[in-house]
Amino acid sequence: MIKKTVSKEGYVNRHATPLPTQKTNMYIITNDFDGEHEYLCEWLPYSHKNAGMWAELPGKGYLGTARTFMVNVINRGFDAWEQNDSEFVLYKIVN
């Protein structure tokens, strides 16, 4: 079960500050069975304009994917959905 994510200095909650509508780099905080983790990711927002990027159309409430830059890990991504907080809530845009 995913642990509840609490606020963290320098990060914003995607429910209070909506995720970007353009592709951008960001840090995200995940919180799972073995604790909190920070990942540098490329945010790929979903929109009808870029629907061709996905092999299948995502379900209702899908906001996009934060894809990591991890070495030796192919397409590790964390999805964001309107209806739940299962993968990440906190993020910070990289300038």
Protein backbone atom coordinates (compact mmCIF):
# COMPACT_ATOMS: atom_id res chain seq x y z
CA MET A 1 0.00 0.00 0.00
CA ILE A 2 1.24 3.49 -0.87
CA LYS A 3 1.94 5.70 2.13
CA LYS A 4 0.40 9.16 2.32
CA THR A 5 2.70 11.85 0.90
CA VAL A 6 3.18 14.87 3.15
CA SER A 7 4.35 18.30 2.08
CA LYS A 8 8.04 18.79 1.31
CA GLU A 9 9.99 22.04 1.04
CA GLY A 10 10.32 23.28 -2.55
CA TYR A 11 7.63 20.94 -3.90
CA VAL A 12 4.03 21.70 -4.81
CA ASN A 13 0.97 19.48 -4.52
CA ARG A 14 -0.53 18.75 -7.95
CA HIS A 15 -4.04 19.18 -6.51
CA ALA A 16 -3.29 22.76 -5.42
CA THR A 17 -1.00 23.65 -8.35
CA PRO A 18 -2.05 21.74 -11.47
CA LEU A 19 0.55 19.84 -13.46
CA PRO A 20 1.98 21.63 -16.53
CA THR A 21 0.16 21.31 -19.83
CA GLN A 22 3.47 21.28 -21.77
CA LYS A 23 6.30 18.76 -21.76
CA THR A 24 8.86 19.77 -19.12
CA ASN A 25 11.45 18.35 -16.74
CA MET A 26 10.54 17.98 -13.09
CA TYR A 27 11.38 16.20 -9.88
CA ILE A 28 8.65 14.08 -8.35
CA ILE A 29 8.33 12.50 -4.92
CA THR A 30 6.93 8.99 -4.65
CA ASN A 31 6.13 7.26 -1.41
CA ASP A 32 5.77 3.49 -1.33
CA PHE A 33 6.28 0.49 0.95
CA ASP A 34 10.00 1.23 1.45
CA GLY A 35 9.74 4.99 1.91
CA GLU A 36 10.05 8.22 0.01
CA HIS A 37 11.90 8.51 -3.31
CA GLU A 38 12.82 11.49 -5.50
CA TYR A 39 13.10 11.08 -9.28
CA LEU A 40 14.14 13.46 -12.05
CA CYS A 41 11.58 13.01 -14.83
CA GLU A 42 10.30 14.34 -18.11
CA TRP A 43 6.63 15.26 -17.71
CA LEU A 44 4.54 14.13 -20.68
CA PRO A 45 1.06 15.60 -20.28
CA TYR A 46 -1.83 13.89 -21.96
CA SER A 47 -3.99 15.84 -24.37
CA HIS A 48 -6.05 14.94 -27.39
CA LYS A 49 -3.42 16.71 -29.53
CA ASN A 50 -0.65 14.32 -28.49
CA ALA A 51 -2.78 11.18 -28.16
CA GLY A 52 -0.67 9.53 -30.87
CA MET A 53 2.21 9.22 -28.36
CA TRP A 54 0.29 6.51 -26.50
CA ALA A 55 -0.21 3.01 -27.91
CA GLU A 56 -3.74 2.98 -26.49
CA LEU A 57 -5.92 5.87 -25.44
CA PRO A 58 -5.72 6.19 -21.66
CA GLY A 59 -8.78 5.97 -19.45
CA LYS A 60 -10.84 8.81 -18.08
CA GLY A 61 -9.00 11.10 -15.67
CA TYR A 62 -5.51 10.36 -17.00
CA LEU A 63 -3.30 13.46 -16.76
CA GLY A 64 0.04 12.18 -18.06
CA THR A 65 3.26 10.38 -17.20
CA ALA A 66 6.43 11.48 -15.46
CA ARG A 67 9.10 9.39 -17.23
CA THR A 68 12.41 8.95 -15.38
CA PHE A 69 15.89 9.50 -16.72
CA MET A 70 17.24 6.49 -14.82
CA VAL A 71 20.17 4.68 -16.43
CA ASN A 72 19.45 1.08 -17.46
CA VAL A 73 15.72 1.50 -16.83
CA ILE A 74 13.63 1.74 -19.97
CA ASN A 75 10.51 3.91 -19.87
CA ARG A 76 10.05 3.86 -16.10
CA GLY A 77 7.13 6.18 -15.65
CA PHE A 78 4.81 7.38 -12.95
CA ASP A 79 1.25 8.13 -14.04
CA ALA A 80 -0.95 10.89 -12.69
CA TRP A 81 -4.73 10.48 -12.54
CA GLU A 82 -7.39 12.97 -11.43
CA GLN A 83 -9.16 10.36 -9.34
CA ASN A 84 -6.26 9.03 -7.23
CA ASP A 85 -2.80 9.69 -5.82
CA SER A 86 -1.38 6.21 -6.37
CA GLU A 87 1.92 7.18 -8.05
CA PHE A 88 2.83 10.77 -7.15
CA VAL A 89 1.40 14.03 -5.85
CA LEU A 90 4.38 16.30 -5.17
CA TYR A 91 6.46 17.82 -7.95
CA LYS A 92 9.00 20.57 -8.61
CA ILE A 93 9.70 22.06 -12.06
CA VAL A 94 13.36 22.06 -13.12
CA ASN A 95 14.44 25.49 -14.37
